[in-house]
Structure formats: structure tokens, C-alpha cells
């Protein structure tokens, strides 16, 4: 589990997770999910889990971020 921050560029929302041990530090999330969290909790800080996008283990697998606990 990692701590990330919801950021937006235009109408697109992402979770920025600087502490992950992989090269990718920014993950897409749905704008609806992001706006619900921001509106309900008045926070952009979330706890996430990284999920591999496929089952085969590559040298550098790609991941998606899944929000597992509402904002801290």
C-alpha cells in the first residue's frame, strides 16, 4: 500500500505516488471517482495498491492504481 495524491490536468485526473518502487509514478483514475473523493472528504490524499495490468511477469510490468481506502 502506498500514499498518493489526486492531481488533475484539465479534465483528466491522476494519482501521483512518489514512493512506489517502480519507474511509473503517475496513474490514471476516473474523473468521477476523483471528484467523489474530493467532494466527500475534502482531501486529495488517498491510499492505493498497485495492480499489475497482466499476469505475466516482465522485467518491468505495468501497473494500475486501485484506491483501497478512502482519504486519510
C-alpha atoms as a PDB file:
ATOM      1  CA  UNK A   1       0.000   0.000   0.000  1.00  0.00           C
ATOM      2  CA  UNK A   2       1.190   3.476  -0.880  1.00  0.00           C
ATOM      3  CA  UNK A   3       0.061   7.016  -0.208  1.00  0.00           C
ATOM      4  CA  UNK A   4      -0.755   9.138  -3.241  1.00  0.00           C
ATOM      5  CA  UNK A   5      -2.238  12.485  -4.141  1.00  0.00           C
ATOM      6  CA  UNK A   6      -5.017  13.115  -6.639  1.00  0.00           C
ATOM      7  CA  UNK A   7      -3.913  15.680  -9.215  1.00  0.00           C
ATOM      8  CA  UNK A   8      -5.677  16.972 -12.278  1.00  0.00           C
ATOM      9  CA  UNK A   9      -4.559  18.353 -15.598  1.00  0.00           C
ATOM     10  CA  UNK A  10      -7.512  19.874 -17.399  1.00  0.00           C
ATOM     11  CA  UNK A  11     -10.354  17.371 -17.118  1.00  0.00           C
ATOM     12  CA  UNK A  12      -8.078  14.348 -16.524  1.00  0.00           C
ATOM     13  CA  UNK A  13      -7.333  13.014 -13.047  1.00  0.00           C
ATOM     14  CA  UNK A  14      -4.331  11.055 -11.855  1.00  0.00           C
ATOM     15  CA  UNK A  15      -2.865   9.700  -8.643  1.00  0.00           C
ATOM     16  CA  UNK A  16       0.725  10.806  -8.107  1.00  0.00           C
ATOM     17  CA  UNK A  17       2.588   8.262  -5.950  1.00  0.00           C
ATOM     18  CA  UNK A  18       6.230   9.289  -5.449  1.00  0.00           C
ATOM     19  CA  UNK A  19       7.086   6.428  -3.075  1.00  0.00           C
ATOM     20  CA  UNK A  20       6.393   3.447  -5.363  1.00  0.00           C
ATOM     21  CA  UNK A  21       9.460   1.305  -6.168  1.00  0.00           C
ATOM     22  CA  UNK A  22       8.747   1.328  -9.916  1.00  0.00           C
ATOM     23  CA  UNK A  23       9.517   3.858 -12.624  1.00  0.00           C
ATOM     24  CA  UNK A  24       5.879   4.853 -13.201  1.00  0.00           C
ATOM     25  CA  UNK A  25       4.805   7.408 -10.569  1.00  0.00           C
ATOM     26  CA  UNK A  26       1.520   8.684 -12.090  1.00  0.00           C
ATOM     27  CA  UNK A  27      -1.610   6.559 -12.595  1.00  0.00           C
ATOM     28  CA  UNK A  28      -4.890   7.407 -14.317  1.00  0.00           C
ATOM     29  CA  UNK A  29      -8.110   7.331 -12.291  1.00  0.00           C
ATOM     30  CA  UNK A  30     -11.637   8.109 -13.379  1.00  0.00           C
ATOM     31  CA  UNK A  31     -12.737  11.709 -13.040  1.00  0.00           C
ATOM     32  CA  UNK A  32     -15.965  10.581 -11.349  1.00  0.00           C
ATOM     33  CA  UNK A  33     -14.064   8.651  -8.681  1.00  0.00           C
ATOM     34  CA  UNK A  34     -11.650  11.544  -8.139  1.00  0.00           C
ATOM     35  CA  UNK A  35     -14.403  14.153  -7.838  1.00  0.00           C
ATOM     36  CA  UNK A  36     -16.417  11.957  -5.458  1.00  0.00           C
ATOM     37  CA  UNK A  37     -13.421  11.616  -3.141  1.00  0.00           C
ATOM     38  CA  UNK A  38     -12.548  15.308  -3.280  1.00  0.00           C
ATOM     39  CA  UNK A  39     -16.164  16.400  -2.702  1.00  0.00           C
ATOM     40  CA  UNK A  40     -16.972  13.889   0.030  1.00  0.00           C
ATOM     41  CA  UNK A  41     -13.727  14.013   2.018  1.00  0.00           C
ATOM     42  CA  UNK A  42     -12.317  17.416   1.049  1.00  0.00           C
ATOM     43  CA  UNK A  43      -8.959  15.702   0.557  1.00  0.00           C
ATOM     44  CA  UNK A  44      -6.744  14.681  -2.319  1.00  0.00           C
ATOM     45  CA  UNK A  45      -4.665  12.206  -0.297  1.00  0.00           C
ATOM     46  CA  UNK A  46      -5.537   8.530  -0.866  1.00  0.00           C
ATOM     47  CA  UNK A  47      -4.134   5.112  -0.076  1.00  0.00           C
ATOM     48  CA  UNK A  48      -3.594   2.935  -3.128  1.00  0.00           C
ATOM     49  CA  UNK A  49      -2.480  -0.523  -4.116  1.00  0.00           C
ATOM     50  CA  UNK A  50      -0.652  -1.278  -7.360  1.00  0.00           C
ATOM     51  CA  UNK A  51      -2.251  -3.964  -9.530  1.00  0.00           C
ATOM     52  CA  UNK A  52      -0.285  -5.484 -12.464  1.00  0.00           C
ATOM     53  CA  UNK A  53      -2.081  -4.984 -15.783  1.00  0.00           C
ATOM     54  CA  UNK A  54      -1.305  -8.567 -16.859  1.00  0.00           C
ATOM     55  CA  UNK A  55      -0.377 -11.826 -15.181  1.00  0.00           C
ATOM     56  CA  UNK A  56       2.923 -12.497 -16.903  1.00  0.00           C
ATOM     57  CA  UNK A  57       5.927 -11.177 -15.048  1.00  0.00           C
ATOM     58  CA  UNK A  58       8.007  -8.950 -17.278  1.00  0.00           C
ATOM     59  CA  UNK A  59      11.199  -7.235 -16.286  1.00  0.00           C
ATOM     60  CA  UNK A  60       9.194  -4.019 -15.904  1.00  0.00           C
ATOM     61  CA  UNK A  61       5.468  -4.824 -15.637  1.00  0.00           C
ATOM     62  CA  UNK A  62       2.925  -2.023 -15.950  1.00  0.00           C
ATOM     63  CA  UNK A  63       0.526  -1.261 -13.127  1.00  0.00           C
ATOM     64  CA  UNK A  64      -2.735   0.464 -12.436  1.00  0.00           C
ATOM     65  CA  UNK A  65      -3.531   2.178  -9.139  1.00  0.00           C
ATOM     66  CA  UNK A  66      -6.559   0.996  -7.207  1.00  0.00           C
ATOM     67  CA  UNK A  67      -7.792   3.182  -4.353  1.00  0.00           C
ATOM     68  CA  UNK A  68      -8.306   0.785  -1.471  1.00  0.00           C
ATOM     69  CA  UNK A  69      -9.030   3.084   1.452  1.00  0.00           C
ATOM     70  CA  UNK A  70     -10.756   6.423   1.377  1.00  0.00           C
ATOM     71  CA  UNK A  71      -8.650   9.517   2.012  1.00  0.00           C
ATOM     72  CA  UNK A  72      -6.653   9.629   5.213  1.00  0.00           C
END
